[in-house]
Amino acid sequence: MEGKINFFFDEEGDVLDITFGEPRNAVAKELKNDIAIRVDPKTGEIVGIVILNFMRRFRLKKKTEKIELPVKVTITTS
């Protein structure tokens, strides 16, 4: 994955969509607990993460508590 990371929040649907690079067609694959990855069906590359019930998670937890995603991230600079 190269490029920028975009964050889109749908307040009405309470969905946070994190996109790696430019938005593109993808298939969602649920991991667990309303968290899914978005995968490019042609390349198999992970192109985003979707978190359902995003704000509700914060209301149920202490504000200082973190929300962990079941993914590993590698960041490099060019």
PDB file of N, CA and C in Angstrom:
ATOM      1  N   MET A   1       0.842  -1.173   0.000  1.00  0.00           N
ATOM      2  CA  MET A   1       0.000   0.000   0.000  1.00  0.00           C
ATOM      3  C   MET A   1       0.880   1.226   0.000  1.00  0.00           C
ATOM      4  N   GLU A   2       0.582   2.128  -0.911  1.00  0.00           N
ATOM      5  CA  GLU A   2       1.320   3.366  -0.989  1.00  0.00           C
ATOM      6  C   GLU A   2       0.328   4.504  -1.082  1.00  0.00           C
ATOM      7  N   GLY A   3       0.689   5.647  -0.539  1.00  0.00           N
ATOM      8  CA  GLY A   3      -0.178   6.809  -0.667  1.00  0.00           C
ATOM      9  C   GLY A   3      -0.757   7.245   0.654  1.00  0.00           C
ATOM     10  N   LYS A   4      -1.861   7.951   0.562  1.00  0.00           N
ATOM     11  CA  LYS A   4      -2.460   8.541   1.747  1.00  0.00           C
ATOM     12  C   LYS A   4      -3.488   7.616   2.384  1.00  0.00           C
ATOM     13  N   ILE A   5      -3.829   7.958   3.614  1.00  0.00           N
ATOM     14  CA  ILE A   5      -4.887   7.254   4.333  1.00  0.00           C
ATOM     15  C   ILE A   5      -6.021   8.251   4.522  1.00  0.00           C
ATOM     16  N   ASN A   6      -7.229   7.869   4.111  1.00  0.00           N
ATOM     17  CA  ASN A   6      -8.403   8.727   4.235  1.00  0.00           C
ATOM     18  C   ASN A   6      -9.337   8.166   5.296  1.00  0.00           C
ATOM     19  N   PHE A   7      -9.913   9.049   6.089  1.00  0.00           N
ATOM     20  CA  PHE A   7     -10.880   8.679   7.109  1.00  0.00           C
ATOM     21  C   PHE A   7     -12.213   9.321   6.752  1.00  0.00           C
ATOM     22  N   PHE A   8     -13.250   8.518   6.631  1.00  0.00           N
ATOM     23  CA  PHE A   8     -14.595   9.006   6.353  1.00  0.00           C
ATOM     24  C   PHE A   8     -15.504   8.512   7.469  1.00  0.00           C
ATOM     25  N   PHE A   9     -16.252   9.441   8.091  1.00  0.00           N
ATOM     26  CA  PHE A   9     -17.178   9.039   9.148  1.00  0.00           C
ATOM     27  C   PHE A   9     -18.593   9.356   8.717  1.00  0.00           C
ATOM     28  N   ASP A  10     -19.453   8.350   8.730  1.00  0.00           N
ATOM     29  CA  ASP A  10     -20.875   8.507   8.438  1.00  0.00           C
ATOM     30  C   ASP A  10     -21.593   8.565   9.777  1.00  0.00           C
ATOM     31  N   GLU A  11     -21.952   9.787  10.192  1.00  0.00           N
ATOM     32  CA  GLU A  11     -22.562   9.968  11.513  1.00  0.00           C
ATOM     33  C   GLU A  11     -23.905   9.259  11.617  1.00  0.00           C
ATOM     34  N   GLU A  12     -24.716   9.349  10.580  1.00  0.00           N
ATOM     35  CA  GLU A  12     -26.036   8.722  10.617  1.00  0.00           C
ATOM     36  C   GLU A  12     -25.926   7.201  10.743  1.00  0.00           C
ATOM     37  N   GLY A  13     -25.010   6.608  10.002  1.00  0.00           N
ATOM     38  CA  GLY A  13     -24.833   5.159  10.052  1.00  0.00           C
ATOM     39  C   GLY A  13     -23.874   4.696  11.129  1.00  0.00           C
ATOM     40  N   ASP A  14     -23.175   5.649  11.778  1.00  0.00           N
ATOM     41  CA  ASP A  14     -22.180   5.363  12.814  1.00  0.00           C
ATOM     42  C   ASP A  14     -21.105   4.400  12.290  1.00  0.00           C
ATOM     43  N   VAL A  15     -20.557   4.764  11.117  1.00  0.00           N
ATOM     44  CA  VAL A  15     -19.560   3.925  10.448  1.00  0.00           C
ATOM     45  C   VAL A  15     -18.310   4.750  10.162  1.00  0.00           C
ATOM     46  N   LEU A  16     -17.152   4.230  10.561  1.00  0.00           N
ATOM     47  CA  LEU A  16     -15.873   4.835  10.199  1.00  0.00           C
ATOM     48  C   LEU A  16     -15.261   3.985   9.098  1.00  0.00           C
ATOM     49  N   ASP A  17     -14.946   4.623   7.984  1.00  0.00           N
ATOM     50  CA  ASP A  17     -14.342   3.937   6.841  1.00  0.00           C
ATOM     51  C   ASP A  17     -12.945   4.509   6.649  1.00  0.00           C
ATOM     52  N   ILE A  18     -11.940   3.664   6.773  1.00  0.00           N
ATOM     53  CA  ILE A  18     -10.546   4.064   6.594  1.00  0.00           C
ATOM     54  C   ILE A  18     -10.088   3.467   5.269  1.00  0.00           C
ATOM     55  N   THR A  19      -9.653   4.340   4.359  1.00  0.00           N
ATOM     56  CA  THR A  19      -9.253   3.901   3.025  1.00  0.00           C
ATOM     57  C   THR A  19      -7.773   4.164   2.815  1.00  0.00           C
ATOM     58  N   PHE A  20      -7.055   3.166   2.318  1.00  0.00           N
ATOM     59  CA  PHE A  20      -5.631   3.299   2.017  1.00  0.00           C
ATOM     60  C   PHE A  20      -5.495   3.659   0.543  1.00  0.00           C
ATOM     61  N   GLY A  21      -4.919   4.815   0.257  1.00  0.00           N
ATOM     62  CA  GLY A  21      -4.808   5.267  -1.128  1.00  0.00           C
ATOM     63  C   GLY A  21      -6.134   5.815  -1.614  1.00  0.00           C
ATOM     64  N   GLU A  22      -6.294   5.866  -2.920  1.00  0.00           N
ATOM     65  CA  GLU A  22      -7.529   6.379  -3.509  1.00  0.00           C
ATOM     66  C   GLU A  22      -8.652   5.359  -3.320  1.00  0.00           C
ATOM     67  N   PRO A  23      -9.876   5.827  -3.023  1.00  0.00           N
ATOM     68  CA  PRO A  23     -11.008   4.897  -2.887  1.00  0.00           C
ATOM     69  C   PRO A  23     -11.203   4.092  -4.175  1.00  0.00           C
ATOM     70  N   ARG A  24     -11.519   2.810  -4.017  1.00  0.00           N
ATOM     71  CA  ARG A  24     -11.762   1.947  -5.176  1.00  0.00           C
ATOM     72  C   ARG A  24     -12.726   0.842  -4.795  1.00  0.00           C
ATOM     73  N   ASN A  25     -13.200   0.136  -5.793  1.00  0.00           N
ATOM     74  CA  ASN A  25     -14.124  -0.965  -5.540  1.00  0.00           C
ATOM     75  C   ASN A  25     -13.434  -2.026  -4.702  1.00  0.00           C
ATOM     76  N   ALA A  26     -14.177  -2.561  -3.747  1.00  0.00           N
ATOM     77  CA  ALA A  26     -13.614  -3.583  -2.866  1.00  0.00           C
ATOM     78  C   ALA A  26     -14.734  -4.443  -2.304  1.00  0.00           C
ATOM     79  N   VAL A  27     -14.349  -5.576  -1.775  1.00  0.00           N
ATOM     80  CA  VAL A  27     -15.264  -6.499  -1.124  1.00  0.00           C
ATOM     81  C   VAL A  27     -14.952  -6.480   0.363  1.00  0.00           C
ATOM     82  N   ALA A  28     -15.992  -6.359   1.189  1.00  0.00           N
ATOM     83  CA  ALA A  28     -15.787  -6.345   2.643  1.00  0.00           C
ATOM     84  C   ALA A  28     -15.757  -7.772   3.176  1.00  0.00           C
ATOM     85  N   LYS A  29     -14.802  -8.024   4.067  1.00  0.00           N
ATOM     86  CA  LYS A  29     -14.699  -9.319   4.745  1.00  0.00           C
ATOM     87  C   LYS A  29     -14.669  -9.047   6.239  1.00  0.00           C
ATOM     88  N   GLU A  30     -15.710  -9.510   6.945  1.00  0.00           N
ATOM     89  CA  GLU A  30     -15.810  -9.233   8.373  1.00  0.00           C
ATOM     90  C   GLU A  30     -14.744 -10.002   9.143  1.00  0.00           C
ATOM     91  N   LEU A  31     -14.068  -9.301  10.059  1.00  0.00           N
ATOM     92  CA  LEU A  31     -13.066  -9.930  10.917  1.00  0.00           C
ATOM     93  C   LEU A  31     -13.717 -10.367  12.219  1.00  0.00           C
ATOM     94  N   LYS A  32     -14.238  -9.393  12.973  1.00  0.00           N
ATOM     95  CA  LYS A  32     -14.951  -9.698  14.214  1.00  0.00           C
ATOM     96  C   LYS A  32     -15.558  -8.419  14.765  1.00  0.00           C
ATOM     97  N   ASN A  33     -16.582  -8.564  15.576  1.00  0.00           N
ATOM     98  CA  ASN A  33     -17.181  -7.450  16.318  1.00  0.00           C
ATOM     99  C   ASN A  33     -17.392  -6.194  15.485  1.00  0.00           C
ATOM    100  N   ASP A  34     -18.066  -6.309  14.356  1.00  0.00           N
ATOM    101  CA  ASP A  34     -18.391  -5.151  13.512  1.00  0.00           C
ATOM    102  C   ASP A  34     -17.170  -4.472  12.911  1.00  0.00           C
ATOM    103  N   ILE A  35     -16.086  -5.191  12.728  1.00  0.00           N
ATOM    104  CA  ILE A  35     -14.898  -4.661  12.061  1.00  0.00           C
ATOM    105  C   ILE A  35     -14.651  -5.518  10.821  1.00  0.00           C
ATOM    106  N   ALA A  36     -14.470  -4.829   9.692  1.00  0.00           N
ATOM    107  CA  ALA A  36     -14.244  -5.545   8.436  1.00  0.00           C
ATOM    108  C   ALA A  36     -13.065  -4.921   7.703  1.00  0.00           C
ATOM    109  N   ILE A  37     -12.438  -5.727   6.867  1.00  0.00           N
ATOM    110  CA  ILE A  37     -11.419  -5.194   5.969  1.00  0.00           C
ATOM    111  C   ILE A  37     -12.050  -5.091   4.587  1.00  0.00           C
ATOM    112  N   ARG A  38     -11.572  -4.152   3.803  1.00  0.00           N
ATOM    113  CA  ARG A  38     -12.003  -4.010   2.419  1.00  0.00           C
ATOM    114  C   ARG A  38     -10.864  -4.517   1.547  1.00  0.00           C
ATOM    115  N   VAL A  39     -11.180  -5.475   0.679  1.00  0.00           N
ATOM    116  CA  VAL A  39     -10.168  -6.154  -0.137  1.00  0.00           C
ATOM    117  C   VAL A  39     -10.463  -5.933  -1.623  1.00  0.00           C
ATOM    118  N   ASP A  40      -9.426  -5.569  -2.375  1.00  0.00           N
ATOM    119  CA  ASP A  40      -9.546  -5.439  -3.828  1.00  0.00           C
ATOM    120  C   ASP A  40      -9.741  -6.848  -4.387  1.00  0.00           C
ATOM    121  N   PRO A  41     -10.870  -7.120  -5.049  1.00  0.00           N
ATOM    122  CA  PRO A  41     -11.131  -8.485  -5.519  1.00  0.00           C
ATOM    123  C   PRO A  41     -10.174  -8.956  -6.613  1.00  0.00           C
ATOM    124  N   LYS A  42      -9.547  -8.028  -7.317  1.00  0.00           N
ATOM    125  CA  LYS A  42      -8.626  -8.411  -8.395  1.00  0.00           C
ATOM    126  C   LYS A  42      -7.239  -8.752  -7.873  1.00  0.00           C
ATOM    127  N   THR A  43      -6.764  -8.001  -6.864  1.00  0.00           N
ATOM    128  CA  THR A  43      -5.387  -8.179  -6.392  1.00  0.00           C
ATOM    129  C   THR A  43      -5.283  -8.855  -5.031  1.00  0.00           C
ATOM    130  N   GLY A  44      -6.383  -8.862  -4.262  1.00  0.00           N
ATOM    131  CA  GLY A  44      -6.332  -9.406  -2.910  1.00  0.00           C
ATOM    132  C   GLY A  44      -5.736  -8.435  -1.905  1.00  0.00           C
ATOM    133  N   GLU A  45      -5.388  -7.234  -2.364  1.00  0.00           N
ATOM    134  CA  GLU A  45      -4.779  -6.221  -1.494  1.00  0.00           C
ATOM    135  C   GLU A  45      -5.828  -5.633  -0.552  1.00  0.00           C
ATOM    136  N   ILE A  46      -5.446  -5.442   0.708  1.00  0.00           N
ATOM    137  CA  ILE A  46      -6.325  -4.773   1.662  1.00  0.00           C
ATOM    138  C   ILE A  46      -6.293  -3.287   1.356  1.00  0.00           C
ATOM    139  N   VAL A  47      -7.462  -2.718   1.064  1.00  0.00           N
ATOM    140  CA  VAL A  47      -7.536  -1.312   0.666  1.00  0.00           C
ATOM    141  C   VAL A  47      -8.263  -0.453   1.697  1.00  0.00           C
ATOM    142  N   GLY A  48      -8.720  -1.067   2.786  1.00  0.00           N
ATOM    143  CA  GLY A  48      -9.383  -0.273   3.806  1.00  0.00           C
ATOM    144  C   GLY A  48      -9.888  -1.096   4.965  1.00  0.00           C
ATOM    145  N   ILE A  49     -10.378  -0.364   5.958  1.00  0.00           N
ATOM    146  CA  ILE A  49     -10.963  -0.963   7.158  1.00  0.00           C
ATOM    147  C   ILE A  49     -12.283  -0.252   7.411  1.00  0.00           C
ATOM    148  N   VAL A  50     -13.305  -1.001   7.794  1.00  0.00           N
ATOM    149  CA  VAL A  50     -14.605  -0.437   8.124  1.00  0.00           C
ATOM    150  C   VAL A  50     -14.928  -0.810   9.565  1.00  0.00           C
ATOM    151  N   ILE A  51     -15.310   0.192  10.355  1.00  0.00           N
ATOM    152  CA  ILE A  51     -15.685  -0.049  11.747  1.00  0.00           C
ATOM    153  C   ILE A  51     -17.131   0.387  11.922  1.00  0.00           C
ATOM    154  N   LEU A  52     -18.016  -0.580  12.145  1.00  0.00           N
ATOM    155  CA  LEU A  52     -19.422  -0.286  12.400  1.00  0.00           C
ATOM    156  C   LEU A  52     -19.603   0.094  13.864  1.00  0.00           C
ATOM    157  N   ASN A  53     -20.641   0.864  14.150  1.00  0.00           N
ATOM    158  CA  ASN A  53     -20.950   1.291  15.527  1.00  0.00           C
ATOM    159  C   ASN A  53     -19.758   1.986  16.174  1.00  0.00           C
ATOM    160  N   PHE A  54     -19.079   2.830  15.404  1.00  0.00           N
ATOM    161  CA  PHE A  54     -17.841   3.458  15.858  1.00  0.00           C
ATOM    162  C   PHE A  54     -18.035   4.323  17.105  1.00  0.00           C
ATOM    163  N   MET A  55     -18.959   5.267  17.075  1.00  0.00           N
ATOM    164  CA  MET A  55     -19.157   6.159  18.227  1.00  0.00           C
ATOM    165  C   MET A  55     -19.736   5.404  19.420  1.00  0.00           C
ATOM    166  N   ARG A  56     -20.582   4.437  19.168  1.00  0.00           N
ATOM    167  CA  ARG A  56     -21.142   3.649  20.263  1.00  0.00           C
ATOM    168  C   ARG A  56     -20.036   2.951  21.047  1.00  0.00           C
ATOM    169  N   ARG A  57     -18.996   2.526  20.365  1.00  0.00           N
ATOM    170  CA  ARG A  57     -17.869   1.889  21.044  1.00  0.00           C
ATOM    171  C   ARG A  57     -17.244   2.837  22.055  1.00  0.00           C
ATOM    172  N   PHE A  58     -17.131   4.122  21.697  1.00  0.00           N
ATOM    173  CA  PHE A  58     -16.553   5.098  22.618  1.00  0.00           C
ATOM    174  C   PHE A  58     -17.474   5.374  23.795  1.00  0.00           C
ATOM    175  N   ARG A  59     -18.767   5.410  23.545  1.00  0.00           N
ATOM    176  CA  ARG A  59     -19.709   5.670  24.643  1.00  0.00           C
ATOM    177  C   ARG A  59     -19.728   4.520  25.636  1.00  0.00           C
ATOM    178  N   LEU A  60     -19.495   3.307  25.172  1.00  0.00           N
ATOM    179  CA  LEU A  60     -19.514   2.144  26.054  1.00  0.00           C
ATOM    180  C   LEU A  60     -18.215   1.988  26.832  1.00  0.00           C
ATOM    181  N   LYS A  61     -17.164   2.615  26.350  1.00  0.00           N
ATOM    182  CA  LYS A  61     -15.855   2.504  26.990  1.00  0.00           C
ATOM    183  C   LYS A  61     -15.504   3.813  27.666  1.00  0.00           C
ATOM    184  N   LYS A  62     -14.536   3.766  28.555  1.00  0.00           N
ATOM    185  CA  LYS A  62     -14.013   4.995  29.128  1.00  0.00           C
ATOM    186  C   LYS A  62     -13.355   5.784  28.007  1.00  0.00           C
ATOM    187  N   LYS A  63     -13.433   7.101  28.076  1.00  0.00           N
ATOM    188  CA  LYS A  63     -12.880   7.922  26.997  1.00  0.00           C
ATOM    189  C   LYS A  63     -11.382   7.723  26.829  1.00  0.00           C
ATOM    190  N   THR A  64     -10.689   7.315  27.877  1.00  0.00           N
ATOM    191  CA  THR A  64      -9.243   7.123  27.766  1.00  0.00           C
ATOM    192  C   THR A  64      -8.878   5.733  27.255  1.00  0.00           C
ATOM    193  N   GLU A  65      -9.857   4.870  27.158  1.00  0.00           N
ATOM    194  CA  GLU A  65      -9.579   3.509  26.700  1.00  0.00           C
ATOM    195  C   GLU A  65      -9.442   3.487  25.181  1.00  0.00           C
ATOM    196  N   LYS A  66      -8.538   2.687  24.685  1.00  0.00           N
ATOM    197  CA  LYS A  66      -8.306   2.620  23.246  1.00  0.00           C
ATOM    198  C   LYS A  66      -9.174   1.547  22.607  1.00  0.00           C
ATOM    199  N   ILE A  67      -9.373   1.695  21.331  1.00  0.00           N
ATOM    200  CA  ILE A  67     -10.049   0.672  20.534  1.00  0.00           C
ATOM    201  C   ILE A  67      -8.977   0.014  19.687  1.00  0.00           C
ATOM    202  N   GLU A  68      -8.819  -1.285  19.831  1.00  0.00           N
ATOM    203  CA  GLU A  68      -7.791  -1.999  19.083  1.00  0.00           C
ATOM    204  C   GLU A  68      -8.391  -2.625  17.833  1.00  0.00           C
ATOM    205  N   LEU A  69      -7.650  -2.541  16.750  1.00  0.00           N
ATOM    206  CA  LEU A  69      -8.048  -3.177  15.505  1.00  0.00           C
ATOM    207  C   LEU A  69      -7.207  -4.432  15.311  1.00  0.00           C
ATOM    208  N   PRO A  70      -7.810  -5.508  14.835  1.00  0.00           N
ATOM    209  CA  PRO A  70      -7.069  -6.755  14.657  1.00  0.00           C
ATOM    210  C   PRO A  70      -6.254  -6.768  13.365  1.00  0.00           C
ATOM    211  N   VAL A  71      -5.412  -5.751  13.188  1.00  0.00           N
ATOM    212  CA  VAL A  71      -4.571  -5.667  11.994  1.00  0.00           C
ATOM    213  C   VAL A  71      -3.172  -5.227  12.386  1.00  0.00           C
ATOM    214  N   LYS A  72      -2.200  -5.539  11.533  1.00  0.00           N
ATOM    215  CA  LYS A  72      -0.827  -5.059  11.705  1.00  0.00           C
ATOM    216  C   LYS A  72      -0.557  -4.047  10.605  1.00  0.00           C
ATOM    217  N   VAL A  73       0.148  -2.975  10.941  1.00  0.00           N
ATOM    218  CA  VAL A  73       0.421  -1.912   9.979  1.00  0.00           C
ATOM    219  C   VAL A  73       1.920  -1.685   9.891  1.00  0.00           C
ATOM    220  N   THR A  74       2.417  -1.538   8.677  1.00  0.00           N
ATOM    221  CA  THR A  74       3.811  -1.178   8.455  1.00  0.00           C
ATOM    222  C   THR A  74       3.834   0.165   7.746  1.00  0.00           C
ATOM    223  N   ILE A  75       4.560   1.126   8.309  1.00  0.00           N
ATOM    224  CA  ILE A  75       4.655   2.453   7.711  1.00  0.00           C
ATOM    225  C   ILE A  75       6.101   2.699   7.323  1.00  0.00           C
ATOM    226  N   THR A  76       6.301   3.101   6.082  1.00  0.00           N
ATOM    227  CA  THR A  76       7.644   3.419   5.604  1.00  0.00           C
ATOM    228  C   THR A  76       7.626   4.799   4.967  1.00  0.00           C
ATOM    229  N   THR A  77       8.795   5.399   4.854  1.00  0.00           N
ATOM    230  CA  THR A  77       8.900   6.679   4.155  1.00  0.00           C
ATOM    231  C   THR A  77       9.732   6.478   2.908  1.00  0.00           C
ATOM    232  N   SER A  78       9.492   7.315   1.924  1.00  0.00           N
ATOM    233  CA  SER A  78      10.240   7.152   0.668  1.00  0.00           C
ATOM    234  C   SER A  78      11.375   8.137   0.579  1.00  0.00           C
TER     235      SER A  78
END
